[in-house]
């Protein structure tokens, strides 16, 4: 099975930047969509951003203009560049992938912690 693996989380001050990475355990697997989700403390999981194999992107309103999702299809890796971070961005960030030809997020990573301090 495919297992997304996130990296790049950490502690950053308000206004700082972080870059998250997500790679599939199966190097030959090419999901139609790769998405980032997050779960703030005490809250439910929410959508952050997604990118298709062809490069089409979609963002949650709360992160537009601050976060940028990108994808390297050759390496089957996705990135989330986060800038202008706010304390409300503090959450466990999850990478998820659809199948090669579907829109359902079947594969989920274990998550990486992002903490934004004041």
Protein backbone atom coordinates (compact mmCIF):
# COMPACT_ATOMS: atom_id res chain seq x y z
CA UNK A 1 0.00 0.00 0.00
CA UNK A 2 0.94 3.64 -0.40
CA UNK A 3 2.08 5.47 2.70
CA UNK A 4 2.61 9.24 2.50
CA UNK A 5 5.44 10.47 4.70
CA UNK A 6 5.55 14.09 5.87
CA UNK A 7 8.56 16.05 7.01
CA UNK A 8 9.54 19.62 7.76
CA UNK A 9 7.34 20.46 10.72
CA UNK A 10 8.66 22.34 13.69
CA UNK A 11 8.44 25.40 15.89
CA UNK A 12 8.41 28.84 14.31
CA UNK A 13 7.61 32.36 15.46
CA UNK A 14 4.68 34.38 14.22
CA UNK A 15 5.46 35.72 10.76
CA UNK A 16 7.97 33.00 10.05
CA UNK A 17 8.06 30.35 7.35
CA UNK A 18 8.19 26.59 7.09
CA UNK A 19 8.33 24.19 4.18
CA UNK A 20 6.64 20.83 4.50
CA UNK A 21 7.41 17.88 2.26
CA UNK A 22 5.39 14.80 1.44
CA UNK A 23 6.62 11.72 -0.37
CA UNK A 24 4.96 8.41 -1.11
CA UNK A 25 6.52 5.23 0.18
CA UNK A 26 5.93 3.74 -3.26
CA UNK A 27 8.17 5.67 -5.61
CA UNK A 28 6.31 4.60 -8.75
CA UNK A 29 2.91 5.71 -7.49
CA UNK A 30 1.52 8.92 -8.99
CA UNK A 31 -1.65 10.12 -7.26
CA UNK A 32 -4.10 12.28 -9.15
CA UNK A 33 -4.33 14.65 -6.17
CA UNK A 34 -2.02 15.36 -3.27
CA UNK A 35 -3.53 17.34 -0.45
CA UNK A 36 -2.55 18.91 2.82
CA UNK A 37 -4.90 18.88 5.77
CA UNK A 38 -4.44 20.02 9.33
CA UNK A 39 -5.90 19.34 12.74
CA UNK A 40 -5.61 22.22 15.21
CA UNK A 41 -5.57 21.27 18.89
CA UNK A 42 -9.07 20.50 20.09
CA UNK A 43 -10.56 20.84 16.61
CA UNK A 44 -11.48 18.61 13.69
CA UNK A 45 -9.36 18.07 10.63
CA UNK A 46 -9.67 20.73 7.95
CA UNK A 47 -8.61 21.12 4.35
CA UNK A 48 -5.58 23.28 3.61
CA UNK A 49 -4.50 22.85 -0.01
CA UNK A 50 -4.33 20.37 -2.85
CA UNK A 51 -2.56 19.98 -6.16
CA UNK A 52 -3.29 17.72 -9.09
CA UNK A 53 -0.82 15.84 -11.23
CA UNK A 54 -1.24 18.55 -13.85
CA UNK A 55 -0.57 21.35 -11.39
CA UNK A 56 -4.08 22.62 -10.65
CA UNK A 57 -4.27 23.96 -7.11
CA UNK A 58 -6.91 24.81 -4.56
CA UNK A 59 -6.52 26.47 -1.18
CA UNK A 60 -8.55 27.03 1.92
CA UNK A 61 -9.54 30.67 2.23
CA UNK A 62 -7.64 30.99 5.49
CA UNK A 63 -4.29 30.27 3.85
CA UNK A 64 -4.65 31.94 0.45
CA UNK A 65 -1.77 34.27 -0.25
CA UNK A 66 0.35 32.77 2.50
CA UNK A 67 0.71 29.08 1.61
CA UNK A 68 1.88 27.64 -1.70
CA UNK A 69 1.52 24.01 -2.67
CA UNK A 70 3.78 22.54 -5.33
CA UNK A 71 4.58 19.15 -6.75
CA UNK A 72 7.49 17.35 -8.33
CA UNK A 73 5.95 14.57 -10.38
CA UNK A 74 9.30 13.05 -11.26
CA UNK A 75 10.05 12.53 -7.58
CA UNK A 76 6.41 11.96 -6.61
CA UNK A 77 6.80 14.58 -3.91
CA UNK A 78 4.62 17.48 -2.83
CA UNK A 79 5.54 20.56 -0.84
CA UNK A 80 3.72 23.13 1.21
CA UNK A 81 5.55 26.43 1.56
CA UNK A 82 4.07 28.32 4.48
CA UNK A 83 4.81 32.00 5.01
CA UNK A 84 3.42 34.66 7.27
CA UNK A 85 2.55 32.01 9.82
CA UNK A 86 0.06 32.81 12.54
CA UNK A 87 -0.65 31.13 15.88
CA UNK A 88 -3.91 29.82 14.43
CA UNK A 89 -1.86 27.82 11.93
CA UNK A 90 -0.66 25.64 14.79
CA UNK A 91 -1.79 22.11 14.04
CA UNK A 92 -0.76 18.65 13.05
CA UNK A 93 -0.40 18.76 9.29
CA UNK A 94 -1.30 15.68 7.28
CA UNK A 95 -0.43 14.79 3.73
CA UNK A 96 -2.98 12.75 1.81
CA UNK A 97 -3.07 11.19 -1.64
CA UNK A 98 -5.79 9.98 -3.95
CA UNK A 99 -5.46 7.02 -6.27
CA UNK A 100 -3.87 7.42 -9.65
CA UNK A 101 -7.23 8.11 -11.25
CA UNK A 102 -9.56 9.11 -8.43
CA UNK A 103 -10.51 11.98 -6.16
CA UNK A 104 -10.95 10.11 -2.90
CA UNK A 105 -8.11 10.59 -0.42
CA UNK A 106 -7.33 6.96 0.35
CA UNK A 107 -3.82 7.36 1.68
CA UNK A 108 -2.87 9.41 4.71
CA UNK A 109 0.39 10.19 6.43
CA UNK A 110 1.01 10.17 10.16
CA UNK A 111 1.25 13.93 10.36
CA UNK A 112 3.89 16.47 11.31
CA UNK A 113 3.52 19.06 14.05
CA UNK A 114 3.66 22.75 13.20
CA UNK A 115 3.69 25.12 16.14
CA UNK A 116 3.59 28.89 15.70
CA UNK A 117 4.50 30.90 18.76
CA UNK A 118 3.71 34.53 19.49
